[in-house]
Amino acid sequence: MILDKERLRANLDEVIWNIEEARITVSEHNIVKLVVVGKYTELENISTLYDLGQRAFGENQVQQLKSRMDALEALPLEWHMIGTLQKNKINNLIDARPTLMQSLDSLALAQELNKKLEAKETQMHCLLQINAANEESKSGFSAEEAYDMYQNIQESCPQIKLRGVMTIGAHSEDTALIQKSFESTHNIFEKLQKEGATYCSMGMSADYELAIKCGSNLIRVGSKLFK
């Protein structure tokens, strides 16, 4: 569905207002980056959001990411890969050159990505995905192993430039459980800041305000904008 500019403006303003309110409860100096997830929306809506001042966009699938980057290459957009990366799509992702790959979810993936980056003589900025709620349906490192694995990948995969961590909040109606998964991830992020971590990516359309209050500085919002 293509939305008119005023409707998109109202939706974007509402999200930005909510970000501001949550951000100030943490600190006036806390800056939060909004990445718009475009997977269910039309290219025209992304162009309109660009006109309204939005610059960072994310996609869950490499193919969709690549086709949208190509279609909108005239616009100076920042693109994020936020979905699970299959090993057979690694070369396609490297060729797309996203600003940030947010879903580095296993050591095996890191090693394969590093090998292919090396072959193409390039690097990629990534976030370590943490499965903070230990849910079988989600990929990522457990909270217990995340700190050590972050250091391991930094040392053993020189083509990967780790910039921080990402999590998906607990899949639950219980706010306390969701909050616990965010706090656990933020605790790891705080320890990793001395390793150069700058991004703590937590929070989506349903829980981004809670995530910001738990220390997130990067949120991934889609459906709230395209309603």
Foldseek 3Di string as FASTA:
>chain_A
DDDDLVLLLVLVVVVVVLLCVLQVLAPPPQAAAEEEEDAVHDLNSVVSVVVVPHAHYEYADLVVQQVSCVVPVVDNHAYEHEHDDDLVCLVSNVVSQHQEYEEPFDPVSLVSNLVVCVVVVAAHEYAFEEADLPDPVDTHHYLVCVLVVVVVSVVPRVRYHYAYHEYEFDPDPDPVRRLNSLLSRVVSRVVCVVVNHDAYEYEEQVCNSSSVNSPGRYYYYYPSSVD
